[in-house]
Amino acid sequence: MSPTNRISDALLKGSRLIGQRSLDIWSGIAIERRFVEAIEREEEQLDVHYAILWGDRPTIAEREYRVGRFQRVVKPAHTLSLGCAGRLPAVRALTSYEVTACVINTHAAQTIVDEMEWKGSFSLHEHLGVSDLPLSHLITLVSLEAENCGASGKLYCDSLEQALINRFLVVSRIEGKAQPTVSGLPRPQLKRVLDKLANEYDRDLSLSDLAQESGYSRSHFLKMFDVATGKTPFEYLRDVRLEAARTALIDTKDSIVSIAIRTGFCSHSHLTRQFVKRYGLSPSAYRRQLAKL
């Protein structure tokens, strides 16, 4: 299967081409602008890396992070989704969207890794809804050159392709980390703490409250919680509150002020700031978007 077919047959299955089809002017990538209806796509296996530049409006979808369990996500306009070869989770698109999709040959990516001689172990990490102006600009330039059928010449195209792959690797890269010297919280203690956060997120919980629930000192609890979850207790609580607020926006007609106070935020503006950071749009804009579905 050609790289172009991987865009239409796997990454964006059921999508419609916008403009020029990706031509054989690239050796390690393929790029196309695509329009996708609000459809459901089953899980796929990709043998290419990918970078998707989202269009002019937020996109709402449900993504299967665990088998049979979908989580709603919002892709803010003009952000990027980056992924590596392997499992591509099932997705239910709740809104139609336009994107510029780029797939990257894994051999071409590995060649650049070898040439750059990056130190330490090298792996790639999925990023959803991130902003990186250099990579977005490179994707736009490659797309424009594809529309012009490679009119600027092979040297320009080759240089542009190398720069795009390089930047993709830089953004997606995870530096190898030494094994933590601190163990994560044992499962029973972690469950107690997570249950407390889930059930009492509307309270002004303190570090001492959570540490006491775990049975460890505050300093040990902080380190062990981070190892176990990859987040600080504050970050985890913030995410629980945001999800509770998002659910309330969907399931109730309560005012945003009421939802903010009920879910542990100190004000309408406090909720709005955090909601925009997480979901890419304000609570009121999110509710308006839902009303259109």
C-alpha atoms as a PDB file:
ATOM      1  CA  MET A   1       0.000   0.000   0.000  1.00  0.00           C
ATOM      2  CA  SER A   2       1.381   3.429  -0.938  1.00  0.00           C
ATOM      3  CA  PRO A   3       1.828   6.151   1.712  1.00  0.00           C
ATOM      4  CA  THR A   4      -1.038   8.081   0.104  1.00  0.00           C
ATOM      5  CA  ASN A   5      -3.374   5.115   0.451  1.00  0.00           C
ATOM      6  CA  ARG A   6      -2.503   4.942   4.141  1.00  0.00           C
ATOM      7  CA  ILE A   7      -4.093   8.365   4.558  1.00  0.00           C
ATOM      8  CA  SER A   8      -7.386   7.460   2.891  1.00  0.00           C
ATOM      9  CA  ASP A   9      -7.611   3.773   3.853  1.00  0.00           C
ATOM     10  CA  ALA A  10      -6.411   3.783   7.460  1.00  0.00           C
ATOM     11  CA  LEU A  11      -5.558   7.101   9.134  1.00  0.00           C
ATOM     12  CA  LEU A  12      -8.613   8.986   7.796  1.00  0.00           C
ATOM     13  CA  LYS A  13     -10.781   6.172   6.528  1.00  0.00           C
ATOM     14  CA  GLY A  14     -13.894   7.423   4.745  1.00  0.00           C
ATOM     15  CA  SER A  15     -12.470  10.911   4.186  1.00  0.00           C
ATOM     16  CA  ARG A  16     -12.729  12.970   1.010  1.00  0.00           C
ATOM     17  CA  LEU A  17      -9.766  14.532  -0.787  1.00  0.00           C
ATOM     18  CA  ILE A  18      -9.599  18.322  -0.971  1.00  0.00           C
ATOM     19  CA  GLY A  19      -7.488  19.726  -3.788  1.00  0.00           C
ATOM     20  CA  GLN A  20      -4.442  17.997  -5.266  1.00  0.00           C
ATOM     21  CA  ARG A  21      -3.704  14.335  -4.580  1.00  0.00           C
ATOM     22  CA  SER A  22      -0.300  13.737  -2.987  1.00  0.00           C
ATOM     23  CA  LEU A  23       2.192  13.079  -5.766  1.00  0.00           C
ATOM     24  CA  ASP A  24       5.416  11.086  -5.825  1.00  0.00           C
ATOM     25  CA  ILE A  25       7.575  14.153  -5.198  1.00  0.00           C
ATOM     26  CA  TRP A  26       8.362  12.960  -1.677  1.00  0.00           C
ATOM     27  CA  SER A  27      10.393   9.891  -0.788  1.00  0.00           C
ATOM     28  CA  GLY A  28       9.521   9.522   2.886  1.00  0.00           C
ATOM     29  CA  ILE A  29       6.168  11.241   3.355  1.00  0.00           C
ATOM     30  CA  ALA A  30       2.746  11.734   1.821  1.00  0.00           C
ATOM     31  CA  ILE A  31       0.499  14.711   2.516  1.00  0.00           C
ATOM     32  CA  GLU A  32      -3.077  15.583   1.626  1.00  0.00           C
ATOM     33  CA  ARG A  33      -5.858  17.904   2.701  1.00  0.00           C
ATOM     34  CA  ARG A  34      -8.926  15.898   3.701  1.00  0.00           C
ATOM     35  CA  PHE A  35     -12.564  16.447   4.703  1.00  0.00           C
ATOM     36  CA  VAL A  36     -14.125  13.962   7.121  1.00  0.00           C
ATOM     37  CA  GLU A  37     -17.816  13.618   7.931  1.00  0.00           C
ATOM     38  CA  ALA A  38     -19.046  12.848  11.443  1.00  0.00           C
ATOM     39  CA  ILE A  39     -18.468   9.097  11.203  1.00  0.00           C
ATOM     40  CA  GLU A  40     -17.241   6.199  13.314  1.00  0.00           C
ATOM     41  CA  ARG A  41     -13.915   4.526  12.493  1.00  0.00           C
ATOM     42  CA  GLU A  42     -12.834   1.186  13.869  1.00  0.00           C
ATOM     43  CA  GLU A  43      -9.409   0.516  15.370  1.00  0.00           C
ATOM     44  CA  GLU A  44      -6.612   0.311  12.803  1.00  0.00           C
ATOM     45  CA  GLN A  45      -2.967  -0.737  12.757  1.00  0.00           C
ATOM     46  CA  LEU A  46      -0.617   1.788  11.149  1.00  0.00           C
ATOM     47  CA  ASP A  47       2.852   1.058   9.804  1.00  0.00           C
ATOM     48  CA  VAL A  48       3.608   4.782   9.412  1.00  0.00           C
ATOM     49  CA  HIS A  49       3.935   7.742  11.768  1.00  0.00           C
ATOM     50  CA  TYR A  50       1.491  10.603  11.287  1.00  0.00           C
ATOM     51  CA  ALA A  51       0.964  14.299  11.892  1.00  0.00           C
ATOM     52  CA  ILE A  52      -2.471  15.893  11.535  1.00  0.00           C
ATOM     53  CA  LEU A  53      -2.907  19.671  11.371  1.00  0.00           C
ATOM     54  CA  TRP A  54      -6.475  20.474  12.395  1.00  0.00           C
ATOM     55  CA  GLY A  55      -8.535  23.047  10.496  1.00  0.00           C
ATOM     56  CA  ASP A  56     -10.244  26.314  11.374  1.00  0.00           C
ATOM     57  CA  ARG A  57     -12.693  25.086  14.015  1.00  0.00           C
ATOM     58  CA  PRO A  58     -12.594  22.787  17.049  1.00  0.00           C
ATOM     59  CA  THR A  59     -13.328  19.119  16.441  1.00  0.00           C
ATOM     60  CA  ILE A  60     -15.243  16.991  18.932  1.00  0.00           C
ATOM     61  CA  ALA A  61     -14.782  13.222  18.947  1.00  0.00           C
ATOM     62  CA  GLU A  62     -14.879  10.199  21.217  1.00  0.00           C
ATOM     63  CA  ARG A  63     -11.693   8.121  21.311  1.00  0.00           C
ATOM     64  CA  GLU A  64     -11.381   4.530  22.515  1.00  0.00           C
ATOM     65  CA  TYR A  65      -8.465   4.748  24.942  1.00  0.00           C
ATOM     66  CA  ARG A  66      -9.402   1.370  26.432  1.00  0.00           C
ATOM     67  CA  VAL A  67     -11.305  -1.420  24.730  1.00  0.00           C
ATOM     68  CA  GLY A  68     -14.995  -0.583  24.861  1.00  0.00           C
ATOM     69  CA  ARG A  69     -14.430   2.677  26.763  1.00  0.00           C
ATOM     70  CA  PHE A  70     -14.642   5.914  24.801  1.00  0.00           C
ATOM     71  CA  GLN A  71     -13.606   9.313  26.107  1.00  0.00           C
ATOM     72  CA  ARG A  72     -14.705  12.594  24.585  1.00  0.00           C
ATOM     73  CA  VAL A  73     -11.889  14.819  23.335  1.00  0.00           C
ATOM     74  CA  VAL A  74     -11.801  18.246  21.715  1.00  0.00           C
ATOM     75  CA  LYS A  75      -9.148  19.100  19.141  1.00  0.00           C
ATOM     76  CA  PRO A  76      -8.711  22.900  19.155  1.00  0.00           C
ATOM     77  CA  ALA A  77      -8.429  24.639  15.796  1.00  0.00           C
ATOM     78  CA  HIS A  78      -4.945  24.824  14.235  1.00  0.00           C
ATOM     79  CA  THR A  79      -3.417  22.353  16.688  1.00  0.00           C
ATOM     80  CA  LEU A  80      -1.571  19.130  15.902  1.00  0.00           C
ATOM     81  CA  SER A  81      -2.115  15.460  16.611  1.00  0.00           C
ATOM     82  CA  LEU A  82       1.032  13.351  16.338  1.00  0.00           C
ATOM     83  CA  GLY A  83       1.254   9.582  16.508  1.00  0.00           C
ATOM     84  CA  CYS A  84       3.639   6.748  15.809  1.00  0.00           C
ATOM     85  CA  ALA A  85       3.236   3.472  13.958  1.00  0.00           C
ATOM     86  CA  GLY A  86       1.127   0.910  15.781  1.00  0.00           C
ATOM     87  CA  ARG A  87      -2.382   0.901  17.199  1.00  0.00           C
ATOM     88  CA  LEU A  88      -4.708   3.680  16.052  1.00  0.00           C
ATOM     89  CA  PRO A  89      -7.679   3.662  18.466  1.00  0.00           C
ATOM     90  CA  ALA A  90     -11.265   3.602  17.254  1.00  0.00           C
ATOM     91  CA  VAL A  91     -12.845   7.055  16.965  1.00  0.00           C
ATOM     92  CA  ARG A  92     -16.383   8.412  16.792  1.00  0.00           C
ATOM     93  CA  ALA A  93     -16.247  11.829  15.139  1.00  0.00           C
ATOM     94  CA  LEU A  94     -19.122  13.944  16.474  1.00  0.00           C
ATOM     95  CA  THR A  95     -18.439  16.849  14.126  1.00  0.00           C
ATOM     96  CA  SER A  96     -17.203  17.028  10.560  1.00  0.00           C
ATOM     97  CA  TYR A  97     -13.740  18.470  10.077  1.00  0.00           C
ATOM     98  CA  GLU A  98     -11.029  19.449   7.621  1.00  0.00           C
ATOM     99  CA  VAL A  99      -7.394  18.561   8.190  1.00  0.00           C
ATOM    100  CA  THR A 100      -4.028  18.442   6.522  1.00  0.00           C
ATOM    101  CA  ALA A 101      -2.774  14.895   7.074  1.00  0.00           C
ATOM    102  CA  CYS A 102       0.842  13.812   6.723  1.00  0.00           C
ATOM    103  CA  VAL A 103       2.155  10.260   7.050  1.00  0.00           C
ATOM    104  CA  ILE A 104       5.849   9.538   7.567  1.00  0.00           C
ATOM    105  CA  ASN A 105       7.650   6.384   6.503  1.00  0.00           C
ATOM    106  CA  THR A 106       9.199   4.734   9.569  1.00  0.00           C
ATOM    107  CA  HIS A 107      12.412   3.909   7.696  1.00  0.00           C
ATOM    108  CA  ALA A 108      12.813   7.549   6.637  1.00  0.00           C
ATOM    109  CA  ALA A 109      12.308   8.638  10.245  1.00  0.00           C
ATOM    110  CA  GLN A 110      14.818   6.095  11.565  1.00  0.00           C
ATOM    111  CA  THR A 111      17.382   7.214   8.991  1.00  0.00           C
ATOM    112  CA  ILE A 112      17.216  10.753  10.357  1.00  0.00           C
ATOM    113  CA  VAL A 113      17.456   9.472  13.933  1.00  0.00           C
ATOM    114  CA  ASP A 114      20.642   7.594  12.993  1.00  0.00           C
ATOM    115  CA  GLU A 115      22.102  10.584  11.156  1.00  0.00           C
ATOM    116  CA  MET A 116      21.420  13.026  13.991  1.00  0.00           C
ATOM    117  CA  GLU A 117      23.130  10.724  16.528  1.00  0.00           C
ATOM    118  CA  TRP A 118      20.807  11.755  19.330  1.00  0.00           C
ATOM    119  CA  LYS A 119      22.108  10.571  22.678  1.00  0.00           C
ATOM    120  CA  GLY A 120      20.184   8.274  24.973  1.00  0.00           C
ATOM    121  CA  SER A 121      17.334   5.928  24.169  1.00  0.00           C
ATOM    122  CA  PHE A 122      14.904   7.187  21.560  1.00  0.00           C
ATOM    123  CA  SER A 123      11.168   6.640  21.443  1.00  0.00           C
ATOM    124  CA  LEU A 124       8.129   8.495  20.161  1.00  0.00           C
ATOM    125  CA  HIS A 125       5.115   9.614  22.125  1.00  0.00           C
ATOM    126  CA  GLU A 126       1.573  10.363  20.986  1.00  0.00           C
ATOM    127  CA  HIS A 127       0.569  14.028  21.284  1.00  0.00           C
ATOM    128  CA  LEU A 128      -3.038  15.169  20.823  1.00  0.00           C
ATOM    129  CA  GLY A 129      -4.065  18.796  20.387  1.00  0.00           C
ATOM    130  CA  VAL A 130      -0.587  20.279  20.819  1.00  0.00           C
ATOM    131  CA  SER A 131       0.754  23.515  19.372  1.00  0.00           C
ATOM    132  CA  ASP A 132       4.095  23.732  17.598  1.00  0.00           C
ATOM    133  CA  LEU A 133       4.396  26.611  15.143  1.00  0.00           C
ATOM    134  CA  PRO A 134       7.518  25.312  13.334  1.00  0.00           C
ATOM    135  CA  LEU A 135       5.917  21.928  12.587  1.00  0.00           C
ATOM    136  CA  SER A 136       2.583  23.500  11.621  1.00  0.00           C
ATOM    137  CA  HIS A 137       4.422  25.865   9.273  1.00  0.00           C
ATOM    138  CA  LEU A 138       6.389  23.016   7.690  1.00  0.00           C
ATOM    139  CA  ILE A 139       3.228  20.959   7.127  1.00  0.00           C
ATOM    140  CA  THR A 140       1.621  23.981   5.459  1.00  0.00           C
ATOM    141  CA  LEU A 141       4.668  24.529   3.219  1.00  0.00           C
ATOM    142  CA  VAL A 142       4.776  20.855   2.206  1.00  0.00           C
ATOM    143  CA  SER A 143       1.054  20.935   1.435  1.00  0.00           C
ATOM    144  CA  LEU A 144       1.458  24.041  -0.715  1.00  0.00           C
ATOM    145  CA  GLU A 145       4.360  22.469  -2.589  1.00  0.00           C
ATOM    146  CA  ALA A 146       2.259  19.362  -3.221  1.00  0.00           C
ATOM    147  CA  GLU A 147      -0.520  21.581  -4.590  1.00  0.00           C
ATOM    148  CA  ASN A 148       2.073  23.125  -6.934  1.00  0.00           C
ATOM    149  CA  CYS A 149       3.258  19.657  -8.059  1.00  0.00           C
ATOM    150  CA  GLY A 150       6.776  20.177  -6.732  1.00  0.00           C
ATOM    151  CA  ALA A 151       7.398  23.233  -8.898  1.00  0.00           C
ATOM    152  CA  SER A 152      10.195  24.532  -6.650  1.00  0.00           C
ATOM    153  CA  GLY A 153      12.468  21.621  -7.552  1.00  0.00           C
ATOM    154  CA  LYS A 154      13.828  18.481  -5.952  1.00  0.00           C
ATOM    155  CA  LEU A 155      16.379  20.154  -3.683  1.00  0.00           C
ATOM    156  CA  TYR A 156      13.718  22.334  -2.097  1.00  0.00           C
ATOM    157  CA  CYS A 157      11.320  19.400  -1.756  1.00  0.00           C
ATOM    158  CA  ASP A 158      13.994  17.145  -0.253  1.00  0.00           C
ATOM    159  CA  SER A 159      15.075  19.843   2.207  1.00  0.00           C
ATOM    160  CA  LEU A 160      11.488  20.553   3.200  1.00  0.00           C
ATOM    161  CA  GLU A 161      10.761  16.866   3.713  1.00  0.00           C
ATOM    162  CA  GLN A 162      13.851  16.384   5.875  1.00  0.00           C
ATOM    163  CA  ALA A 163      12.993  19.433   7.967  1.00  0.00           C
ATOM    164  CA  LEU A 164       9.426  18.206   8.513  1.00  0.00           C
ATOM    165  CA  ILE A 165      10.484  14.718   9.590  1.00  0.00           C
ATOM    166  CA  ASN A 166      13.187  16.158  11.843  1.00  0.00           C
ATOM    167  CA  ARG A 167      10.767  18.517  13.554  1.00  0.00           C
ATOM    168  CA  PHE A 168       8.204  15.738  13.964  1.00  0.00           C
ATOM    169  CA  LEU A 169      10.830  13.644  15.744  1.00  0.00           C
ATOM    170  CA  VAL A 170      11.886  16.532  17.981  1.00  0.00           C
ATOM    171  CA  VAL A 171       8.308  17.224  19.094  1.00  0.00           C
ATOM    172  CA  SER A 172       7.341  13.556  19.460  1.00  0.00           C
ATOM    173  CA  ARG A 173      10.525  12.451  21.149  1.00  0.00           C
ATOM    174  CA  ILE A 174      10.681  11.119  24.697  1.00  0.00           C
ATOM    175  CA  GLU A 175      14.104  11.114  26.289  1.00  0.00           C
ATOM    176  CA  GLY A 176      14.965   7.841  27.966  1.00  0.00           C
ATOM    177  CA  LYS A 177      14.653   8.187  31.734  1.00  0.00           C
ATOM    178  CA  ALA A 178      16.399   6.307  34.467  1.00  0.00           C
ATOM    179  CA  GLN A 179      14.176   4.039  36.504  1.00  0.00           C
ATOM    180  CA  PRO A 180      12.692   6.001  39.414  1.00  0.00           C
ATOM    181  CA  THR A 181      14.320   5.362  42.756  1.00  0.00           C
ATOM    182  CA  VAL A 182      10.941   5.794  44.443  1.00  0.00           C
ATOM    183  CA  SER A 183       8.244   3.157  44.031  1.00  0.00           C
ATOM    184  CA  GLY A 184       4.705   4.102  43.153  1.00  0.00           C
ATOM    185  CA  LEU A 185       1.950   3.965  45.728  1.00  0.00           C
ATOM    186  CA  PRO A 186       0.812   0.380  46.323  1.00  0.00           C
ATOM    187  CA  ARG A 187      -2.457  -0.342  44.552  1.00  0.00           C
ATOM    188  CA  PRO A 188      -4.721  -0.448  47.660  1.00  0.00           C
ATOM    189  CA  GLN A 189      -3.419   2.902  48.942  1.00  0.00           C
ATOM    190  CA  LEU A 190      -3.575   4.440  45.470  1.00  0.00           C
ATOM    191  CA  LYS A 191      -7.187   3.308  45.082  1.00  0.00           C
ATOM    192  CA  ARG A 192      -8.132   4.887  48.402  1.00  0.00           C
ATOM    193  CA  VAL A 193      -6.582   8.198  47.394  1.00  0.00           C
ATOM    194  CA  LEU A 194      -8.128   8.172  43.903  1.00  0.00           C
ATOM    195  CA  ASP A 195     -11.528   7.304  45.374  1.00  0.00           C
ATOM    196  CA  LYS A 196     -11.212  10.229  47.769  1.00  0.00           C
ATOM    197  CA  LEU A 197     -10.359  12.566  44.895  1.00  0.00           C
ATOM    198  CA  ALA A 198     -13.260  11.226  42.828  1.00  0.00           C
ATOM    199  CA  ASN A 199     -15.800  11.508  45.654  1.00  0.00           C
ATOM    200  CA  GLU A 200     -14.652  14.730  47.327  1.00  0.00           C
ATOM    201  CA  TYR A 201     -13.377  16.820  44.410  1.00  0.00           C
ATOM    202  CA  ASP A 202     -15.723  19.657  45.433  1.00  0.00           C
ATOM    203  CA  ARG A 203     -13.852  20.055  48.740  1.00  0.00           C
ATOM    204  CA  ASP A 204     -10.709  22.095  49.307  1.00  0.00           C
ATOM    205  CA  LEU A 205      -8.608  18.977  49.855  1.00  0.00           C
ATOM    206  CA  SER A 206      -5.137  19.468  51.302  1.00  0.00           C
ATOM    207  CA  LEU A 207      -1.946  17.525  50.745  1.00  0.00           C
ATOM    208  CA  SER A 208      -2.181  16.360  54.353  1.00  0.00           C
ATOM    209  CA  ASP A 209      -5.683  14.965  53.713  1.00  0.00           C
ATOM    210  CA  LEU A 210      -4.428  12.824  50.840  1.00  0.00           C
ATOM    211  CA  ALA A 211      -1.168  11.811  52.509  1.00  0.00           C
ATOM    212  CA  GLN A 212      -3.097  10.695  55.586  1.00  0.00           C
ATOM    213  CA  GLU A 213      -5.371   8.591  53.367  1.00  0.00           C
ATOM    214  CA  SER A 214      -2.291   6.879  51.908  1.00  0.00           C
ATOM    215  CA  GLY A 215      -0.565   6.308  55.239  1.00  0.00           C
ATOM    216  CA  TYR A 216       2.674   7.998  54.116  1.00  0.00           C
ATOM    217  CA  SER A 217       4.308  11.308  54.957  1.00  0.00           C
ATOM    218  CA  ARG A 218       3.504  14.244  52.681  1.00  0.00           C
ATOM    219  CA  SER A 219       6.918  14.196  50.969  1.00  0.00           C
ATOM    220  CA  HIS A 220       6.846  10.446  50.350  1.00  0.00           C
ATOM    221  CA  PHE A 221       3.234  10.588  49.220  1.00  0.00           C
ATOM    222  CA  LEU A 222       4.002  13.298  46.648  1.00  0.00           C
ATOM    223  CA  LYS A 223       6.800  11.284  45.044  1.00  0.00           C
ATOM    224  CA  MET A 224       4.961   7.973  45.134  1.00  0.00           C
ATOM    225  CA  PHE A 225       1.757   9.460  43.704  1.00  0.00           C
ATOM    226  CA  ASP A 226       3.694  11.013  40.829  1.00  0.00           C
ATOM    227  CA  VAL A 227       5.398   7.706  40.026  1.00  0.00           C
ATOM    228  CA  ALA A 228       2.072   5.850  40.156  1.00  0.00           C
ATOM    229  CA  THR A 229       0.005   8.288  38.066  1.00  0.00           C
ATOM    230  CA  GLY A 230       2.417  10.536  36.177  1.00  0.00           C
ATOM    231  CA  LYS A 231       0.688  13.562  37.720  1.00  0.00           C
ATOM    232  CA  THR A 232       0.879  15.609  40.888  1.00  0.00           C
ATOM    233  CA  PRO A 233      -2.116  15.326  43.226  1.00  0.00           C
ATOM    234  CA  PHE A 234      -3.107  18.866  42.211  1.00  0.00           C
ATOM    235  CA  GLU A 235      -3.012  18.011  38.506  1.00  0.00           C
ATOM    236  CA  TYR A 236      -5.060  14.877  39.081  1.00  0.00           C
ATOM    237  CA  LEU A 237      -7.664  16.750  41.147  1.00  0.00           C
ATOM    238  CA  ARG A 238      -7.861  19.520  38.542  1.00  0.00           C
ATOM    239  CA  ASP A 239      -8.532  16.942  35.819  1.00  0.00           C
ATOM    240  CA  VAL A 240     -11.232  15.243  37.916  1.00  0.00           C
ATOM    241  CA  ARG A 241     -12.919  18.601  38.477  1.00  0.00           C
ATOM    242  CA  LEU A 242     -12.721  19.523  34.796  1.00  0.00           C
ATOM    243  CA  GLU A 243     -14.267  16.223  33.768  1.00  0.00           C
ATOM    244  CA  ALA A 244     -17.044  16.709  36.324  1.00  0.00           C
ATOM    245  CA  ALA A 245     -17.678  20.209  34.959  1.00  0.00           C
ATOM    246  CA  ARG A 246     -17.685  18.952  31.367  1.00  0.00           C
ATOM    247  CA  THR A 247     -20.191  16.226  32.272  1.00  0.00           C
ATOM    248  CA  ALA A 248     -22.420  18.789  33.995  1.00  0.00           C
ATOM    249  CA  LEU A 249     -22.363  20.970  30.877  1.00  0.00           C
ATOM    250  CA  ILE A 250     -23.610  17.981  28.883  1.00  0.00           C
ATOM    251  CA  ASP A 251     -26.149  16.568  31.335  1.00  0.00           C
ATOM    252  CA  THR A 252     -27.637  19.696  32.953  1.00  0.00           C
ATOM    253  CA  LYS A 253     -28.775  23.201  32.092  1.00  0.00           C
ATOM    254  CA  ASP A 254     -27.267  24.665  35.242  1.00  0.00           C
ATOM    255  CA  SER A 255     -25.457  27.975  34.979  1.00  0.00           C
ATOM    256  CA  ILE A 256     -21.720  27.894  34.481  1.00  0.00           C
ATOM    257  CA  VAL A 257     -21.248  29.752  37.778  1.00  0.00           C
ATOM    258  CA  SER A 258     -23.224  27.055  39.573  1.00  0.00           C
ATOM    259  CA  ILE A 259     -21.252  24.286  37.872  1.00  0.00           C
ATOM    260  CA  ALA A 260     -17.956  26.005  38.703  1.00  0.00           C
ATOM    261  CA  ILE A 261     -18.722  26.247  42.419  1.00  0.00           C
ATOM    262  CA  ARG A 262     -20.179  22.742  42.575  1.00  0.00           C
ATOM    263  CA  THR A 263     -17.114  21.172  40.984  1.00  0.00           C
ATOM    264  CA  GLY A 264     -14.531  22.867  43.180  1.00  0.00           C
ATOM    265  CA  PHE A 265     -13.571  25.944  41.155  1.00  0.00           C
ATOM    266  CA  CYS A 266     -13.575  29.269  42.938  1.00  0.00           C
ATOM    267  CA  SER A 267     -15.331  31.220  40.184  1.00  0.00           C
ATOM    268  CA  HIS A 268     -16.704  31.251  36.642  1.00  0.00           C
ATOM    269  CA  SER A 269     -13.425  32.729  35.367  1.00  0.00           C
ATOM    270  CA  HIS A 270     -11.316  30.132  37.189  1.00  0.00           C
ATOM    271  CA  LEU A 271     -13.250  27.291  35.544  1.00  0.00           C
ATOM    272  CA  THR A 272     -13.103  29.020  32.168  1.00  0.00           C
ATOM    273  CA  ARG A 273      -9.319  29.446  32.263  1.00  0.00           C
ATOM    274  CA  GLN A 274      -8.726  25.810  33.152  1.00  0.00           C
ATOM    275  CA  PHE A 275     -11.393  24.539  30.732  1.00  0.00           C
ATOM    276  CA  VAL A 276      -9.852  26.408  27.798  1.00  0.00           C
ATOM    277  CA  LYS A 277      -6.407  25.015  28.618  1.00  0.00           C
ATOM    278  CA  ARG A 278      -7.763  21.458  28.717  1.00  0.00           C
ATOM    279  CA  TYR A 279     -10.407  21.387  25.988  1.00  0.00           C
ATOM    280  CA  GLY A 280      -9.490  24.294  23.737  1.00  0.00           C
ATOM    281  CA  LEU A 281     -12.686  26.316  24.156  1.00  0.00           C
ATOM    282  CA  SER A 282     -14.673  27.976  26.930  1.00  0.00           C
ATOM    283  CA  PRO A 283     -17.492  26.204  28.812  1.00  0.00           C
ATOM    284  CA  SER A 284     -20.108  28.391  27.106  1.00  0.00           C
ATOM    285  CA  ALA A 285     -18.595  27.712  23.665  1.00  0.00           C
ATOM    286  CA  TYR A 286     -18.459  24.001  24.461  1.00  0.00           C
ATOM    287  CA  ARG A 287     -22.144  24.018  25.413  1.00  0.00           C
ATOM    288  CA  ARG A 288     -23.049  25.897  22.209  1.00  0.00           C
ATOM    289  CA  GLN A 289     -21.086  23.355  20.184  1.00  0.00           C
ATOM    290  CA  LEU A 290     -23.002  20.512  21.834  1.00  0.00           C
ATOM    291  CA  ALA A 291     -26.320  22.199  21.041  1.00  0.00           C
ATOM    292  CA  LYS A 292     -25.490  22.006  17.334  1.00  0.00           C
ATOM    293  CA  LEU A 293     -25.012  18.224  17.383  1.00  0.00           C
END
